[in-house]
């Protein structure tokens, strides 16, 4: 079990994604992830600057550096995908709840269909973003291979293992103030912040 720190009140995947507190939580988590994603190119640059000839560091050390970089990137890209997936699903569920509150059945179905279309479009956009990040990482990694003078070390991107690792995390977050104004810490399962596979759309 791993522990992560999250800011803001606790909200589950079935709660409205548009409340101010929930948006604050999203901002904290996404801000952290975007900073982490930005660190991948920096890591690559530092690797180039500090790399020593293979004769000094050894081929085994160079390969280990590349493998460690692959693992770090895989965790970051999967965290980005799963956090965005949870946000997209939260927004979808909020729209479905709003649709169910409408009095006209036909309008309910129309709003629900629009919500599904929006969710699908956002998921497609997320897939393209991840694809672009994969391409960028592949280019940076080839540069690292040249700097380290190693070849035949293909990237090892195990997204299934990374997703499973991330779902083992437990977030520690503050609760809403109680009647005395005290704020306490509570644990939140990763599924409240991360989404691996979206459920089927509501019919």
C-alpha atoms as a PDB file:
ATOM      1  CA  UNK A   1       0.000   0.000   0.000  1.00  0.00           C
ATOM      2  CA  UNK A   2       1.310   3.449  -0.940  1.00  0.00           C
ATOM      3  CA  UNK A   3       0.267   6.809   0.448  1.00  0.00           C
ATOM      4  CA  UNK A   4      -0.172  10.105  -1.345  1.00  0.00           C
ATOM      5  CA  UNK A   5      -1.163  13.534  -0.078  1.00  0.00           C
ATOM      6  CA  UNK A   6      -4.134  15.354  -1.564  1.00  0.00           C
ATOM      7  CA  UNK A   7      -5.548  18.780  -0.797  1.00  0.00           C
ATOM      8  CA  UNK A   8      -9.146  19.875  -0.371  1.00  0.00           C
ATOM      9  CA  UNK A   9     -12.244  18.080   0.922  1.00  0.00           C
ATOM     10  CA  UNK A  10     -13.066  14.512  -0.027  1.00  0.00           C
ATOM     11  CA  UNK A  11     -15.347  13.862  -2.962  1.00  0.00           C
ATOM     12  CA  UNK A  12     -16.276  10.520  -4.478  1.00  0.00           C
ATOM     13  CA  UNK A  13     -16.754   9.708  -8.155  1.00  0.00           C
ATOM     14  CA  UNK A  14     -20.534  10.049  -7.780  1.00  0.00           C
ATOM     15  CA  UNK A  15     -20.455  13.563  -6.382  1.00  0.00           C
ATOM     16  CA  UNK A  16     -20.806  16.679  -8.482  1.00  0.00           C
ATOM     17  CA  UNK A  17     -17.594  17.629 -10.260  1.00  0.00           C
ATOM     18  CA  UNK A  18     -18.474  21.300 -10.519  1.00  0.00           C
ATOM     19  CA  UNK A  19     -18.436  22.347  -6.875  1.00  0.00           C
ATOM     20  CA  UNK A  20     -15.765  24.829  -5.862  1.00  0.00           C
ATOM     21  CA  UNK A  21     -14.189  22.466  -3.366  1.00  0.00           C
ATOM     22  CA  UNK A  22     -14.002  19.629  -5.875  1.00  0.00           C
ATOM     23  CA  UNK A  23     -12.414  21.893  -8.442  1.00  0.00           C
ATOM     24  CA  UNK A  24      -9.858  22.886  -5.821  1.00  0.00           C
ATOM     25  CA  UNK A  25      -9.024  19.240  -5.252  1.00  0.00           C
ATOM     26  CA  UNK A  26      -8.694  18.695  -8.983  1.00  0.00           C
ATOM     27  CA  UNK A  27      -6.354  21.660  -9.224  1.00  0.00           C
ATOM     28  CA  UNK A  28      -4.080  20.322  -6.496  1.00  0.00           C
ATOM     29  CA  UNK A  29      -3.867  16.842  -7.986  1.00  0.00           C
ATOM     30  CA  UNK A  30      -3.525  17.977 -11.597  1.00  0.00           C
ATOM     31  CA  UNK A  31      -1.007  20.655 -10.664  1.00  0.00           C
ATOM     32  CA  UNK A  32       1.128  18.007  -9.031  1.00  0.00           C
ATOM     33  CA  UNK A  33       0.828  15.686 -12.026  1.00  0.00           C
ATOM     34  CA  UNK A  34       1.598  18.360 -14.612  1.00  0.00           C
ATOM     35  CA  UNK A  35       4.676  19.361 -12.627  1.00  0.00           C
ATOM     36  CA  UNK A  36       5.726  15.750 -12.501  1.00  0.00           C
ATOM     37  CA  UNK A  37       5.167  15.310 -16.226  1.00  0.00           C
ATOM     38  CA  UNK A  38       7.220  18.423 -16.905  1.00  0.00           C
ATOM     39  CA  UNK A  39      10.078  16.896 -14.948  1.00  0.00           C
ATOM     40  CA  UNK A  40      10.511  14.051 -17.438  1.00  0.00           C
ATOM     41  CA  UNK A  41      12.211  16.208 -20.121  1.00  0.00           C
ATOM     42  CA  UNK A  42      14.264  17.854 -17.369  1.00  0.00           C
ATOM     43  CA  UNK A  43      15.382  14.455 -16.175  1.00  0.00           C
ATOM     44  CA  UNK A  44      16.399  13.658 -19.731  1.00  0.00           C
ATOM     45  CA  UNK A  45      18.380  16.889 -19.995  1.00  0.00           C
ATOM     46  CA  UNK A  46      20.155  16.245 -16.708  1.00  0.00           C
ATOM     47  CA  UNK A  47      20.999  12.753 -17.872  1.00  0.00           C
ATOM     48  CA  UNK A  48      22.669  14.165 -20.975  1.00  0.00           C
ATOM     49  CA  UNK A  49      24.614  16.733 -19.003  1.00  0.00           C
ATOM     50  CA  UNK A  50      25.913  14.288 -16.412  1.00  0.00           C
ATOM     51  CA  UNK A  51      26.384  11.198 -18.586  1.00  0.00           C
ATOM     52  CA  UNK A  52      29.856   9.685 -18.517  1.00  0.00           C
ATOM     53  CA  UNK A  53      31.407   7.439 -21.177  1.00  0.00           C
ATOM     54  CA  UNK A  54      30.189   3.868 -21.128  1.00  0.00           C
ATOM     55  CA  UNK A  55      33.689   2.707 -20.239  1.00  0.00           C
ATOM     56  CA  UNK A  56      33.338   4.469 -16.871  1.00  0.00           C
ATOM     57  CA  UNK A  57      29.735   3.890 -15.943  1.00  0.00           C
ATOM     58  CA  UNK A  58      29.382   0.480 -17.553  1.00  0.00           C
ATOM     59  CA  UNK A  59      26.746  -0.668 -20.001  1.00  0.00           C
ATOM     60  CA  UNK A  60      24.716  -2.245 -17.216  1.00  0.00           C
ATOM     61  CA  UNK A  61      24.428   1.067 -15.356  1.00  0.00           C
ATOM     62  CA  UNK A  62      23.408   2.858 -18.549  1.00  0.00           C
ATOM     63  CA  UNK A  63      20.683   0.322 -19.260  1.00  0.00           C
ATOM     64  CA  UNK A  64      19.450   0.585 -15.659  1.00  0.00           C
ATOM     65  CA  UNK A  65      19.195   4.368 -16.022  1.00  0.00           C
ATOM     66  CA  UNK A  66      17.084   3.979 -19.145  1.00  0.00           C
ATOM     67  CA  UNK A  67      14.865   1.354 -17.516  1.00  0.00           C
ATOM     68  CA  UNK A  68      14.343   3.549 -14.446  1.00  0.00           C
ATOM     69  CA  UNK A  69      13.432   6.434 -16.716  1.00  0.00           C
ATOM     70  CA  UNK A  70      10.939   4.201 -18.561  1.00  0.00           C
ATOM     71  CA  UNK A  71       9.298   3.191 -15.286  1.00  0.00           C
ATOM     72  CA  UNK A  72       9.062   6.778 -14.041  1.00  0.00           C
ATOM     73  CA  UNK A  73       7.537   7.973 -17.308  1.00  0.00           C
ATOM     74  CA  UNK A  74       5.051   5.095 -17.357  1.00  0.00           C
ATOM     75  CA  UNK A  75       3.810   5.926 -13.855  1.00  0.00           C
ATOM     76  CA  UNK A  76       3.488   9.608 -14.727  1.00  0.00           C
ATOM     77  CA  UNK A  77       1.629   9.039 -17.987  1.00  0.00           C
ATOM     78  CA  UNK A  78      -0.737   6.536 -16.377  1.00  0.00           C
ATOM     79  CA  UNK A  79      -1.409   8.866 -13.437  1.00  0.00           C
ATOM     80  CA  UNK A  80      -2.196  11.661 -15.885  1.00  0.00           C
ATOM     81  CA  UNK A  81      -4.542   9.376 -17.862  1.00  0.00           C
ATOM     82  CA  UNK A  82      -6.332   8.043 -14.777  1.00  0.00           C
ATOM     83  CA  UNK A  83      -6.785  11.431 -13.107  1.00  0.00           C
ATOM     84  CA  UNK A  84      -8.166  12.936 -16.302  1.00  0.00           C
ATOM     85  CA  UNK A  85     -10.357   9.871 -16.751  1.00  0.00           C
ATOM     86  CA  UNK A  86     -11.841  10.344 -13.279  1.00  0.00           C
ATOM     87  CA  UNK A  87     -12.544  14.033 -13.968  1.00  0.00           C
ATOM     88  CA  UNK A  88     -14.234  13.208 -17.283  1.00  0.00           C
ATOM     89  CA  UNK A  89     -16.361  10.525 -15.622  1.00  0.00           C
ATOM     90  CA  UNK A  90     -17.292  12.824 -12.718  1.00  0.00           C
ATOM     91  CA  UNK A  91     -18.482  15.473 -15.158  1.00  0.00           C
ATOM     92  CA  UNK A  92     -20.468  12.897 -17.115  1.00  0.00           C
ATOM     93  CA  UNK A  93     -22.191  11.577 -13.991  1.00  0.00           C
ATOM     94  CA  UNK A  94     -23.025  15.124 -12.885  1.00  0.00           C
ATOM     95  CA  UNK A  95     -24.735  15.790 -16.220  1.00  0.00           C
ATOM     96  CA  UNK A  96     -26.679  12.529 -15.997  1.00  0.00           C
ATOM     97  CA  UNK A  97     -27.939  13.483 -12.528  1.00  0.00           C
ATOM     98  CA  UNK A  98     -28.967  16.885 -13.830  1.00  0.00           C
ATOM     99  CA  UNK A  99     -30.782  15.232 -16.731  1.00  0.00           C
ATOM    100  CA  UNK A 100     -32.661  12.872 -14.402  1.00  0.00           C
ATOM    101  CA  UNK A 101     -34.022  15.894 -12.520  1.00  0.00           C
ATOM    102  CA  UNK A 102     -35.729  17.233 -15.644  1.00  0.00           C
ATOM    103  CA  UNK A 103     -39.482  16.723 -15.862  1.00  0.00           C
ATOM    104  CA  UNK A 104     -39.646  16.039 -19.592  1.00  0.00           C
ATOM    105  CA  UNK A 105     -38.576  12.482 -20.481  1.00  0.00           C
ATOM    106  CA  UNK A 106     -37.604  13.366 -24.034  1.00  0.00           C
ATOM    107  CA  UNK A 107     -35.374  16.167 -22.805  1.00  0.00           C
ATOM    108  CA  UNK A 108     -33.825  13.780 -20.288  1.00  0.00           C
ATOM    109  CA  UNK A 109     -32.801  11.425 -23.095  1.00  0.00           C
ATOM    110  CA  UNK A 110     -31.458  14.266 -25.234  1.00  0.00           C
ATOM    111  CA  UNK A 111     -29.341  15.668 -22.410  1.00  0.00           C
ATOM    112  CA  UNK A 112     -28.072  12.198 -21.532  1.00  0.00           C
ATOM    113  CA  UNK A 113     -27.091  11.572 -25.148  1.00  0.00           C
ATOM    114  CA  UNK A 114     -25.257  14.896 -25.324  1.00  0.00           C
ATOM    115  CA  UNK A 115     -23.448  14.052 -22.107  1.00  0.00           C
ATOM    116  CA  UNK A 116     -22.321  10.727 -23.583  1.00  0.00           C
ATOM    117  CA  UNK A 117     -21.089  12.423 -26.750  1.00  0.00           C
ATOM    118  CA  UNK A 118     -19.166  14.973 -24.701  1.00  0.00           C
ATOM    119  CA  UNK A 119     -17.571  12.222 -22.608  1.00  0.00           C
ATOM    120  CA  UNK A 120     -16.528  10.305 -25.731  1.00  0.00           C
ATOM    121  CA  UNK A 121     -15.005  13.412 -27.327  1.00  0.00           C
ATOM    122  CA  UNK A 122     -13.045  14.256 -24.178  1.00  0.00           C
ATOM    123  CA  UNK A 123     -11.811  10.675 -23.937  1.00  0.00           C
ATOM    124  CA  UNK A 124     -10.647  10.820 -27.571  1.00  0.00           C
ATOM    125  CA  UNK A 125      -8.827  14.090 -26.907  1.00  0.00           C
ATOM    126  CA  UNK A 126      -7.140  12.574 -23.854  1.00  0.00           C
ATOM    127  CA  UNK A 127      -6.032   9.597 -25.940  1.00  0.00           C
ATOM    128  CA  UNK A 128      -4.443  11.949 -28.490  1.00  0.00           C
ATOM    129  CA  UNK A 129      -2.681  13.904 -25.750  1.00  0.00           C
ATOM    130  CA  UNK A 130      -1.214  10.723 -24.307  1.00  0.00           C
ATOM    131  CA  UNK A 131      -0.143   9.622 -27.776  1.00  0.00           C
ATOM    132  CA  UNK A 132       1.692  12.926 -28.284  1.00  0.00           C
ATOM    133  CA  UNK A 133       3.439  12.554 -24.928  1.00  0.00           C
ATOM    134  CA  UNK A 134       4.488   9.022 -25.866  1.00  0.00           C
ATOM    135  CA  UNK A 135       5.996  10.281 -29.114  1.00  0.00           C
ATOM    136  CA  UNK A 136       7.837  13.091 -27.325  1.00  0.00           C
ATOM    137  CA  UNK A 137       9.219  10.673 -24.751  1.00  0.00           C
ATOM    138  CA  UNK A 138      10.352   8.264 -27.439  1.00  0.00           C
ATOM    139  CA  UNK A 139      12.306  11.031 -29.142  1.00  0.00           C
ATOM    140  CA  UNK A 140      13.937  12.164 -25.889  1.00  0.00           C
ATOM    141  CA  UNK A 141      14.816   8.593 -24.982  1.00  0.00           C
ATOM    142  CA  UNK A 142      16.587   8.015 -28.299  1.00  0.00           C
ATOM    143  CA  UNK A 143      18.688  11.067 -27.533  1.00  0.00           C
ATOM    144  CA  UNK A 144      19.563   9.549 -24.155  1.00  0.00           C
ATOM    145  CA  UNK A 145      20.574   6.288 -25.814  1.00  0.00           C
ATOM    146  CA  UNK A 146      22.985   8.199 -28.054  1.00  0.00           C
ATOM    147  CA  UNK A 147      24.432  10.098 -25.091  1.00  0.00           C
ATOM    148  CA  UNK A 148      24.914   6.883 -23.113  1.00  0.00           C
ATOM    149  CA  UNK A 149      26.268   5.104 -26.192  1.00  0.00           C
ATOM    150  CA  UNK A 150      23.920   2.146 -25.810  1.00  0.00           C
ATOM    151  CA  UNK A 151      21.757   0.526 -28.444  1.00  0.00           C
ATOM    152  CA  UNK A 152      19.187  -2.232 -28.695  1.00  0.00           C
ATOM    153  CA  UNK A 153      17.457  -1.137 -25.474  1.00  0.00           C
ATOM    154  CA  UNK A 154      13.833  -0.623 -26.541  1.00  0.00           C
ATOM    155  CA  UNK A 155      11.556   1.355 -24.208  1.00  0.00           C
ATOM    156  CA  UNK A 156       9.758  -0.764 -21.631  1.00  0.00           C
ATOM    157  CA  UNK A 157       6.371   0.910 -21.089  1.00  0.00           C
ATOM    158  CA  UNK A 158       4.212  -1.412 -18.975  1.00  0.00           C
ATOM    159  CA  UNK A 159       1.023   0.599 -18.531  1.00  0.00           C
ATOM    160  CA  UNK A 160      -0.962  -2.287 -17.010  1.00  0.00           C
ATOM    161  CA  UNK A 161       1.564  -2.719 -14.216  1.00  0.00           C
ATOM    162  CA  UNK A 162       1.712   1.056 -13.684  1.00  0.00           C
ATOM    163  CA  UNK A 163      -2.092   1.276 -13.435  1.00  0.00           C
ATOM    164  CA  UNK A 164      -2.175  -1.535 -10.882  1.00  0.00           C
ATOM    165  CA  UNK A 165       0.585   0.148  -8.874  1.00  0.00           C
ATOM    166  CA  UNK A 166      -1.289   3.459  -8.844  1.00  0.00           C
ATOM    167  CA  UNK A 167      -4.539   1.825  -7.727  1.00  0.00           C
ATOM    168  CA  UNK A 168      -2.686   0.536  -4.648  1.00  0.00           C
ATOM    169  CA  UNK A 169      -2.185   4.114  -3.467  1.00  0.00           C
ATOM    170  CA  UNK A 170      -4.182   5.499  -0.553  1.00  0.00           C
ATOM    171  CA  UNK A 171      -4.599   9.277  -0.478  1.00  0.00           C
ATOM    172  CA  UNK A 172      -4.402  11.198   2.797  1.00  0.00           C
ATOM    173  CA  UNK A 173      -6.590  14.308   2.634  1.00  0.00           C
ATOM    174  CA  UNK A 174      -8.142  16.810   5.041  1.00  0.00           C
ATOM    175  CA  UNK A 175     -11.807  16.526   5.928  1.00  0.00           C
ATOM    176  CA  UNK A 176     -14.252  19.396   5.938  1.00  0.00           C
ATOM    177  CA  UNK A 177     -14.203  21.350   9.228  1.00  0.00           C
ATOM    178  CA  UNK A 178     -16.422  19.865  11.928  1.00  0.00           C
ATOM    179  CA  UNK A 179     -18.812  21.863  14.123  1.00  0.00           C
ATOM    180  CA  UNK A 180     -15.844  23.046  16.216  1.00  0.00           C
ATOM    181  CA  UNK A 181     -13.925  24.135  13.140  1.00  0.00           C
ATOM    182  CA  UNK A 182     -11.390  21.312  13.467  1.00  0.00           C
ATOM    183  CA  UNK A 183      -9.964  19.743  10.328  1.00  0.00           C
ATOM    184  CA  UNK A 184      -8.805  16.161  10.510  1.00  0.00           C
ATOM    185  CA  UNK A 185      -7.057  13.802   8.107  1.00  0.00           C
ATOM    186  CA  UNK A 186      -8.723  10.857   6.481  1.00  0.00           C
ATOM    187  CA  UNK A 187      -7.689   8.217   3.976  1.00  0.00           C
ATOM    188  CA  UNK A 188      -9.259   8.008   0.537  1.00  0.00           C
ATOM    189  CA  UNK A 189      -8.937   5.039  -1.830  1.00  0.00           C
ATOM    190  CA  UNK A 190      -7.207   5.709  -5.138  1.00  0.00           C
ATOM    191  CA  UNK A 191     -10.402   4.940  -7.070  1.00  0.00           C
ATOM    192  CA  UNK A 192     -11.887   8.218  -5.809  1.00  0.00           C
ATOM    193  CA  UNK A 193      -9.182  10.171  -7.677  1.00  0.00           C
ATOM    194  CA  UNK A 194      -8.153   7.728 -10.403  1.00  0.00           C
ATOM    195  CA  UNK A 195     -10.156   5.898 -13.049  1.00  0.00           C
ATOM    196  CA  UNK A 196      -8.627   3.044 -15.017  1.00  0.00           C
ATOM    197  CA  UNK A 197     -11.590   2.023 -17.177  1.00  0.00           C
ATOM    198  CA  UNK A 198     -14.817   4.056 -17.404  1.00  0.00           C
ATOM    199  CA  UNK A 199     -18.102   2.212 -16.759  1.00  0.00           C
ATOM    200  CA  UNK A 200     -20.661   1.825 -19.495  1.00  0.00           C
ATOM    201  CA  UNK A 201     -22.667   4.976 -20.263  1.00  0.00           C
ATOM    202  CA  UNK A 202     -26.050   5.350 -18.604  1.00  0.00           C
ATOM    203  CA  UNK A 203     -28.853   4.466 -21.006  1.00  0.00           C
END
